[in-house]
Amino acid sequence: MLETVLVKEPGDGESPRPARIIAAMRHACLGGGKRLRPALVVAAARLFGRDDDGVALAGAALECIHCYSLVHDDLPAMDDDDMRRGRPTVHKAFDEATAILAGDALLTLAFDLIADPRVHADAAVRLAASRDLARASGFGGMAGGQMLDLASEHRDRSEDEIRLLQAMKTGALIRYAARTGARLAGAAAGDIETLTRFGDVIGLAFQLADDLLDVEGDAARLGKAAGKDAAAGKATLVALKGADWTRAELQRLVGEAETLLAPFGARATPLVALARYVAVRDR
């Protein structure tokens, strides 16, 4: 789906798309990556019986948001990274101005995609998905969490403060993925809330695993620099509580995720697999 939407040909009524910005956007989105967030959208929708291009389009919208955040995160003014997914970051492969604009374009493309009628026939459902995406991405979600993260460098932070910034910075988009997949498939309100909680749980697990990999992972395997959190004085639960506690907490979170999904039986197997993958991944 990303290959389909990230093309030079303009959409209906759209002006020509500059080749350079498309190339930078494709570099950001199509050069590897786990695709966890869109996979979660698709798996959550399948749990409730929906599996079509409209769901994949919603997943692509979310991945555009995620990739835009990585492009901007890698900039010298932010985390100043040269490598992402084993390749030069967008500002290294192109230039800083192009990277900023490519990120801007990916952010706005996401809302073009989520508004597509293929996502859901009911405009009210698409509007709710769009509003939730804005909130998960903005100052009350990912962007706000990144601000808290930057403000926490070389400062002591409590466990509650770190959990909050991580729930915003990383967890908000993962929570959105699980919730939106269920909503687009017409799940009952109680089931949507169960999937929302599932997203909260694996969102925290994902960030814990990420922080642990930064301490213990191999840069060649990760496709990006390791050890940067400690060097930047980042506030993480690994730094606060230690690696052993983190591994134990990861297992507890996976157990909670499995308990949440147990009522769905074998139909939830792909989601259980995703939860386990989040905790044991090596990149």
Protein backbone atom coordinates (compact mmCIF):
# COMPACT_ATOMS: atom_id res chain seq x y z
CA MET A 1 0.00 0.00 0.00
CA LEU A 2 2.87 2.38 0.78
CA GLU A 3 4.36 1.61 -2.63
CA THR A 4 1.00 2.50 -4.15
CA VAL A 5 0.55 5.87 -2.44
CA LEU A 6 4.16 7.10 -2.54
CA VAL A 7 4.33 7.70 -6.28
CA LYS A 8 5.16 10.67 -8.48
CA GLU A 9 1.79 10.70 -10.25
CA PRO A 10 -0.55 13.27 -8.63
CA GLY A 11 -3.97 12.42 -7.27
CA ASP A 12 -7.20 13.82 -8.66
CA GLY A 13 -7.06 17.61 -8.67
CA GLU A 14 -3.56 17.65 -7.19
CA SER A 15 -0.61 19.66 -8.50
CA PRO A 16 2.48 17.80 -9.77
CA ARG A 17 4.54 16.14 -7.07
CA PRO A 18 8.25 17.13 -7.07
CA ALA A 19 10.42 14.10 -7.72
CA ARG A 20 12.93 14.95 -4.98
CA ILE A 21 10.41 15.04 -2.16
CA ILE A 22 8.82 11.78 -3.34
CA ALA A 23 12.28 10.17 -3.41
CA ALA A 24 12.96 11.36 0.14
CA MET A 25 9.56 10.13 1.36
CA ARG A 26 10.15 6.73 -0.23
CA HIS A 27 13.61 6.58 1.35
CA ALA A 28 11.99 7.22 4.73
CA CYS A 29 9.17 4.70 4.37
CA LEU A 30 10.29 1.89 2.10
CA GLY A 31 13.80 1.13 3.34
CA GLY A 32 13.00 -1.62 5.81
CA GLY A 33 11.41 -1.26 9.22
CA LYS A 34 9.29 -3.52 11.41
CA ARG A 35 5.87 -2.22 10.24
CA LEU A 36 4.59 -3.03 13.73
CA ARG A 37 1.96 -0.28 13.85
CA PRO A 38 0.24 -1.05 10.53
CA ALA A 39 0.53 -4.78 11.24
CA LEU A 40 -1.33 -4.13 14.48
CA VAL A 41 -4.08 -2.22 12.66
CA VAL A 42 -4.52 -5.12 10.24
CA ALA A 43 -4.38 -7.83 12.93
CA ALA A 44 -6.88 -6.02 15.17
CA ALA A 45 -9.30 -5.61 12.26
CA ARG A 46 -8.92 -9.26 11.26
CA LEU A 47 -9.81 -10.29 14.81
CA PHE A 48 -13.27 -8.86 14.16
CA GLY A 49 -13.63 -10.13 10.61
CA ARG A 50 -12.38 -7.33 8.39
CA ASP A 51 -9.43 -7.71 6.01
CA ASP A 52 -9.31 -5.49 2.92
CA ASP A 53 -7.44 -2.63 1.26
CA GLY A 54 -9.26 -0.03 3.35
CA VAL A 55 -7.70 -1.41 6.53
CA ALA A 56 -4.29 -1.55 4.83
CA LEU A 57 -4.78 2.09 3.83
CA ALA A 58 -5.43 3.03 7.46
CA GLY A 59 -2.27 1.15 8.39
CA ALA A 60 -0.32 3.03 5.72
CA ALA A 61 -1.60 6.34 7.12
CA LEU A 62 -0.29 5.41 10.54
CA GLU A 63 3.06 4.28 9.13
CA CYS A 64 3.41 7.64 7.37
CA ILE A 65 3.04 9.34 10.77
CA HIS A 66 5.60 7.01 12.32
CA CYS A 67 8.11 7.48 9.50
CA TYR A 68 7.70 11.26 9.54
CA SER A 69 8.52 11.20 13.25
CA LEU A 70 11.69 9.20 12.58
CA VAL A 71 12.82 11.60 9.84
CA HIS A 72 12.45 14.56 12.17
CA ASP A 73 13.82 12.65 15.19
CA ASP A 74 17.04 11.95 13.28
CA LEU A 75 17.70 15.62 12.47
CA PRO A 76 20.72 17.34 14.06
CA ALA A 77 18.45 19.51 16.21
CA MET A 78 16.83 16.40 17.70
CA ASP A 79 18.68 13.08 18.14
CA ASP A 80 21.27 13.78 15.41
CA ASP A 81 21.47 10.28 13.92
CA ASP A 82 23.32 9.33 10.73
CA MET A 83 21.87 5.82 10.32
CA ARG A 84 18.34 4.46 10.33
CA ARG A 85 17.36 0.91 9.33
CA GLY A 86 20.91 0.27 8.20
CA ARG A 87 20.93 3.17 5.72
CA PRO A 88 21.80 6.88 5.88
CA THR A 89 19.05 8.92 7.48
CA VAL A 90 17.02 11.14 5.17
CA HIS A 91 18.92 14.33 5.99
CA LYS A 92 22.17 12.49 5.23
CA ALA A 93 20.94 10.89 2.03
CA PHE A 94 19.42 14.18 0.84
CA ASP A 95 19.78 17.31 3.00
CA GLU A 96 18.19 18.83 6.10
CA ALA A 97 15.68 21.00 4.26
CA THR A 98 14.49 18.09 2.14
CA ALA A 99 14.21 15.89 5.25
CA ILE A 100 12.06 18.47 7.02
CA LEU A 101 9.78 18.85 4.02
CA ALA A 102 9.56 15.08 3.48
CA GLY A 103 8.51 14.68 7.10
CA ASP A 104 5.93 17.43 6.72
CA ALA A 105 4.57 15.79 3.59
CA LEU A 106 4.32 12.36 5.24
CA LEU A 107 2.45 13.86 8.18
CA THR A 108 -0.10 15.55 5.94
CA LEU A 109 -0.38 12.57 3.58
CA ALA A 110 -1.51 10.47 6.53
CA PHE A 111 -4.69 12.52 6.88
CA ASP A 112 -5.33 12.34 3.14
CA LEU A 113 -5.17 8.54 3.40
CA ILE A 114 -7.28 8.13 6.53
CA ALA A 115 -10.03 10.23 4.91
CA ASP A 116 -10.27 7.91 1.90
CA PRO A 117 -13.76 6.32 1.64
CA ARG A 118 -12.11 2.89 1.31
CA VAL A 119 -11.07 3.14 4.97
CA HIS A 120 -14.73 3.03 6.02
CA ALA A 121 -18.00 3.74 4.24
CA ASP A 122 -19.25 5.84 7.17
CA ALA A 123 -17.71 9.31 7.13
CA ALA A 124 -18.30 9.60 10.89
CA VAL A 125 -16.05 6.59 11.50
CA ARG A 126 -13.35 8.06 9.26
CA LEU A 127 -13.64 11.38 11.09
CA ALA A 128 -13.23 9.66 14.45
CA ALA A 129 -10.18 7.78 13.13
CA SER A 130 -8.72 11.05 11.84
CA ARG A 131 -9.35 12.90 15.10
CA ASP A 132 -7.80 10.08 17.13
CA LEU A 133 -4.78 10.02 14.82
CA ALA A 134 -4.28 13.76 15.29
CA ARG A 135 -4.47 13.40 19.06
CA ALA A 136 -2.14 10.39 19.15
CA SER A 137 0.38 12.28 16.99
CA GLY A 138 0.19 15.78 18.45
CA PHE A 139 1.02 17.66 21.61
CA GLY A 140 -1.07 15.31 23.75
CA GLY A 141 0.57 12.27 22.15
CA MET A 142 3.76 11.55 20.26
CA ALA A 143 5.01 15.12 19.74
CA GLY A 144 4.26 16.04 23.34
CA GLY A 145 6.03 12.92 24.53
CA GLN A 146 9.08 13.81 22.47
CA MET A 147 9.05 17.25 24.08
CA LEU A 148 8.96 15.66 27.54
CA ASP A 149 11.78 13.34 26.47
CA LEU A 150 13.98 16.22 25.37
CA ALA A 151 13.20 18.12 28.57
CA SER A 152 14.21 15.07 30.64
CA GLU A 153 17.74 14.77 29.30
CA HIS A 154 20.33 14.82 32.12
CA ARG A 155 17.56 15.26 34.71
CA ASP A 156 16.21 12.92 37.34
CA ARG A 157 12.70 11.69 36.60
CA SER A 158 10.39 9.48 38.65
CA GLU A 159 9.01 6.18 37.36
CA ASP A 160 5.58 7.78 36.87
CA GLU A 161 7.08 10.67 34.88
CA ILE A 162 9.01 8.28 32.63
CA ARG A 163 5.96 6.09 32.10
CA LEU A 164 3.93 9.14 31.08
CA LEU A 165 6.46 10.42 28.54
CA GLN A 166 6.86 6.94 27.08
CA ALA A 167 3.10 6.39 26.89
CA MET A 168 2.89 9.60 24.88
CA LYS A 169 6.05 9.35 22.79
CA THR A 170 5.78 5.68 21.80
CA GLY A 171 2.60 4.24 23.26
CA ALA A 172 0.09 6.67 21.75
CA LEU A 173 0.51 5.47 18.16
CA ILE A 174 0.55 1.79 19.16
CA ARG A 175 -2.60 2.31 21.23
CA TYR A 176 -4.16 4.02 18.23
CA ALA A 177 -3.28 1.09 15.97
CA ALA A 178 -5.05 -1.50 18.10
CA ARG A 179 -8.05 0.70 18.80
CA THR A 180 -8.53 1.82 15.22
CA GLY A 181 -8.24 -1.66 13.74
CA ALA A 182 -11.05 -2.81 16.03
CA ARG A 183 -13.16 0.25 15.30
CA LEU A 184 -12.82 -0.05 11.52
CA ALA A 185 -13.99 -3.66 11.75
CA GLY A 186 -17.15 -2.69 13.64
CA ALA A 187 -16.18 -4.25 16.98
CA ALA A 188 -18.46 -3.77 19.98
CA ALA A 189 -17.63 -0.92 22.36
CA GLY A 190 -16.36 -3.29 25.06
CA ASP A 191 -14.09 -5.07 22.60
CA ILE A 192 -12.71 -1.76 21.34
CA GLU A 193 -11.79 -0.85 24.92
CA THR A 194 -10.12 -4.25 25.40
CA LEU A 195 -8.02 -3.71 22.28
CA THR A 196 -7.23 -0.19 23.45
CA ARG A 197 -5.87 -1.55 26.73
CA PHE A 198 -3.94 -4.18 24.77
CA GLY A 199 -2.37 -1.35 22.76
CA ASP A 200 -1.42 0.47 25.97
CA VAL A 201 0.28 -2.65 27.32
CA ILE A 202 2.33 -3.49 24.24
CA GLY A 203 3.15 0.18 23.71
CA LEU A 204 4.94 0.23 27.05
CA ALA A 205 6.53 -3.13 26.29
CA PHE A 206 7.80 -1.84 22.96
CA GLN A 207 9.50 1.16 24.59
CA LEU A 208 11.02 -0.99 27.36
CA ALA A 209 12.43 -3.38 24.76
CA ASP A 210 13.73 -0.45 22.73
CA ASP A 211 15.51 1.03 25.75
CA LEU A 212 16.97 -2.35 26.65
CA LEU A 213 18.25 -2.81 23.10
CA ASP A 214 19.92 0.60 23.27
CA VAL A 215 21.88 -0.67 26.27
CA GLU A 216 22.55 -4.25 25.19
CA GLY A 217 21.92 -4.37 21.43
CA ASP A 218 24.36 -4.54 18.53
CA ALA A 219 24.43 -1.47 16.27
CA ALA A 220 24.89 -3.56 13.12
CA ARG A 221 21.84 -5.64 13.99
CA LEU A 222 19.80 -2.60 15.05
CA GLY A 223 20.62 -0.66 11.90
CA LYS A 224 21.24 2.46 14.00
CA ALA A 225 23.59 3.62 16.73
CA ALA A 226 23.38 1.90 20.13
CA GLY A 227 24.19 3.43 23.52
CA LYS A 228 22.80 6.83 22.59
CA ASP A 229 20.27 7.02 25.44
CA ALA A 230 22.93 6.94 28.14
CA ALA A 231 25.17 9.35 26.22
CA ALA A 232 22.29 11.82 25.89
CA GLY A 233 21.22 11.38 29.51
CA LYS A 234 17.79 10.09 28.50
CA ALA A 235 15.25 9.29 31.20
CA THR A 236 14.42 5.60 30.75
CA LEU A 237 13.08 2.87 33.01
CA VAL A 238 16.14 0.77 32.17
CA ALA A 239 18.38 3.49 33.57
CA LEU A 240 16.15 3.97 36.60
CA LYS A 241 15.30 0.36 37.48
CA GLY A 242 17.97 -1.75 35.78
CA ALA A 243 18.05 -4.37 33.01
CA ASP A 244 16.88 -7.30 35.16
CA TRP A 245 13.78 -5.40 36.30
CA THR A 246 13.11 -4.41 32.71
CA ARG A 247 13.21 -8.01 31.47
CA ALA A 248 10.86 -9.08 34.25
CA GLU A 249 8.48 -6.22 33.49
CA LEU A 250 8.47 -7.15 29.82
CA GLN A 251 7.37 -10.66 30.69
CA ARG A 252 4.67 -9.31 33.00
CA LEU A 253 3.35 -7.07 30.25
CA VAL A 254 3.25 -9.92 27.74
CA GLY A 255 1.30 -11.95 30.29
CA GLU A 256 -1.19 -9.12 30.72
CA ALA A 257 -1.57 -8.81 26.94
CA GLU A 258 -2.27 -12.54 26.65
CA THR A 259 -4.85 -12.35 29.43
CA LEU A 260 -6.64 -9.50 27.67
CA LEU A 261 -6.84 -11.54 24.47
CA ALA A 262 -7.77 -14.86 26.06
CA PRO A 263 -11.56 -14.39 25.60
CA PHE A 264 -11.05 -14.27 21.82
CA GLY A 265 -9.44 -17.71 21.71
CA ALA A 266 -7.46 -18.88 18.69
CA ARG A 267 -8.64 -15.91 16.62
CA ALA A 268 -6.26 -13.72 18.63
CA THR A 269 -3.16 -15.82 17.88
CA PRO A 270 -1.61 -13.20 15.52
CA LEU A 271 -2.05 -10.48 18.15
CA VAL A 272 -0.52 -12.70 20.85
CA ALA A 273 2.42 -13.32 18.51
CA LEU A 274 2.84 -9.57 18.02
CA ALA A 275 2.88 -9.00 21.78
CA ARG A 276 5.55 -11.67 22.24
CA TYR A 277 7.60 -10.32 19.35
CA VAL A 278 7.58 -6.84 20.88
CA ALA A 279 9.22 -8.18 24.02
CA VAL A 280 11.88 -10.45 22.50
CA ARG A 281 12.86 -8.63 19.30
CA ASP A 282 16.55 -7.94 18.64
CA ARG A 283 16.23 -4.87 16.44
